[in-house]
Amino acid sequence: MLYSGMYLIIKKIKYDHCEDSYRVVAQDLDSTKALQKMDAYILLEGTDENTSYSMVKYDDPLVLKKSA
């Protein structure tokens, strides 16, 4: 379940023969903890030239309603 203000850790794998792959590997409500998780993924899994990690903040979409 996604919460407003949640930070998502995204793993991107670049391929030469097909479209790139994106996967949410972790999430957290605290930006500091999310950054620590991202650093841990980079340290444990390592990265090569085709793999990268990024952190994005997820916010609920703005829903406009008609007023009476």
C-alpha atoms as a PDB file:
ATOM      1  CA  MET A   1       0.000   0.000   0.000  1.00  0.00           C
ATOM      2  CA  LEU A   2       1.342   3.424  -0.953  1.00  0.00           C
ATOM      3  CA  TYR A   3       1.098   6.390   1.402  1.00  0.00           C
ATOM      4  CA  SER A   4       1.340  10.064   0.595  1.00  0.00           C
ATOM      5  CA  GLY A   5       4.901  11.253   1.052  1.00  0.00           C
ATOM      6  CA  MET A   6       6.397   7.778   0.628  1.00  0.00           C
ATOM      7  CA  TYR A   7       9.893   7.435  -0.818  1.00  0.00           C
ATOM      8  CA  LEU A   8      10.385   4.661  -3.375  1.00  0.00           C
ATOM      9  CA  ILE A   9      13.722   3.071  -4.300  1.00  0.00           C
ATOM     10  CA  ILE A  10      13.723   2.253  -8.024  1.00  0.00           C
ATOM     11  CA  LYS A  11      16.160  -0.161  -9.677  1.00  0.00           C
ATOM     12  CA  LYS A  12      16.721   0.430 -13.394  1.00  0.00           C
ATOM     13  CA  ILE A  13      18.362  -2.146 -15.640  1.00  0.00           C
ATOM     14  CA  LYS A  14      19.317  -0.999 -19.123  1.00  0.00           C
ATOM     15  CA  TYR A  15      19.187  -3.548 -21.930  1.00  0.00           C
ATOM     16  CA  ASP A  16      20.557  -3.219 -25.459  1.00  0.00           C
ATOM     17  CA  HIS A  17      18.081  -5.573 -27.121  1.00  0.00           C
ATOM     18  CA  CYS A  18      14.789  -4.479 -25.452  1.00  0.00           C
ATOM     19  CA  GLU A  19      13.210  -1.793 -23.267  1.00  0.00           C
ATOM     20  CA  ASP A  20      14.723  -0.880 -19.925  1.00  0.00           C
ATOM     21  CA  SER A  21      13.397  -2.545 -16.769  1.00  0.00           C
ATOM     22  CA  TYR A  22      12.223  -0.582 -13.715  1.00  0.00           C
ATOM     23  CA  ARG A  23      11.402  -2.205 -10.362  1.00  0.00           C
ATOM     24  CA  VAL A  24      10.479  -0.841  -6.936  1.00  0.00           C
ATOM     25  CA  VAL A  25      12.861  -2.632  -4.562  1.00  0.00           C
ATOM     26  CA  ALA A  26      12.104  -0.772  -1.302  1.00  0.00           C
ATOM     27  CA  GLN A  27      10.074   2.018   0.232  1.00  0.00           C
ATOM     28  CA  ASP A  28      10.004   4.121   3.388  1.00  0.00           C
ATOM     29  CA  LEU A  29       8.183   7.120   4.825  1.00  0.00           C
ATOM     30  CA  ASP A  30      11.431   8.694   6.067  1.00  0.00           C
ATOM     31  CA  SER A  31      13.824  10.123   3.459  1.00  0.00           C
ATOM     32  CA  THR A  32      16.919   9.369   5.557  1.00  0.00           C
ATOM     33  CA  LYS A  33      15.972   5.715   5.998  1.00  0.00           C
ATOM     34  CA  ALA A  34      15.103   5.440   2.305  1.00  0.00           C
ATOM     35  CA  LEU A  35      18.533   6.813   1.378  1.00  0.00           C
ATOM     36  CA  GLN A  36      20.170   4.292   3.725  1.00  0.00           C
ATOM     37  CA  LYS A  37      18.206   1.478   2.068  1.00  0.00           C
ATOM     38  CA  MET A  38      19.288   2.670  -1.376  1.00  0.00           C
ATOM     39  CA  ASP A  39      22.936   2.796  -0.258  1.00  0.00           C
ATOM     40  CA  ALA A  40      22.584  -0.741   1.151  1.00  0.00           C
ATOM     41  CA  TYR A  41      21.212  -2.043  -2.172  1.00  0.00           C
ATOM     42  CA  ILE A  42      24.128  -0.458  -4.021  1.00  0.00           C
ATOM     43  CA  LEU A  43      26.619  -1.935  -1.545  1.00  0.00           C
ATOM     44  CA  LEU A  44      25.101  -5.437  -1.398  1.00  0.00           C
ATOM     45  CA  GLU A  45      24.103  -5.944  -5.020  1.00  0.00           C
ATOM     46  CA  GLY A  46      26.719  -3.728  -6.565  1.00  0.00           C
ATOM     47  CA  THR A  47      26.145  -1.857  -9.775  1.00  0.00           C
ATOM     48  CA  ASP A  48      27.492  -2.174 -13.256  1.00  0.00           C
ATOM     49  CA  GLU A  49      27.161   0.187 -16.197  1.00  0.00           C
ATOM     50  CA  ASN A  50      23.664  -1.166 -16.948  1.00  0.00           C
ATOM     51  CA  THR A  51      22.209  -0.976 -13.425  1.00  0.00           C
ATOM     52  CA  SER A  52      21.290   2.134 -11.461  1.00  0.00           C
ATOM     53  CA  TYR A  53      19.212   3.052  -8.413  1.00  0.00           C
ATOM     54  CA  SER A  54      17.193   6.171  -7.739  1.00  0.00           C
ATOM     55  CA  MET A  55      14.907   7.482  -5.042  1.00  0.00           C
ATOM     56  CA  VAL A  56      11.626   9.221  -5.863  1.00  0.00           C
ATOM     57  CA  LYS A  57       8.974  10.726  -3.607  1.00  0.00           C
ATOM     58  CA  TYR A  58       5.459   9.449  -4.225  1.00  0.00           C
ATOM     59  CA  ASP A  59       2.598  11.839  -3.493  1.00  0.00           C
ATOM     60  CA  ASP A  60      -1.092  11.172  -3.924  1.00  0.00           C
ATOM     61  CA  PRO A  61      -2.404  12.565  -7.206  1.00  0.00           C
ATOM     62  CA  LEU A  62      -4.454  15.747  -7.014  1.00  0.00           C
ATOM     63  CA  VAL A  63      -8.125  14.972  -7.621  1.00  0.00           C
ATOM     64  CA  LEU A  64     -10.231  17.898  -8.739  1.00  0.00           C
ATOM     65  CA  LYS A  65     -13.939  17.846  -7.927  1.00  0.00           C
ATOM     66  CA  LYS A  66     -16.694  20.101  -9.168  1.00  0.00           C
ATOM     67  CA  SER A  67     -18.007  22.494  -6.581  1.00  0.00           C
ATOM     68  CA  ALA A  68     -21.721  23.116  -6.282  1.00  0.00           C
END
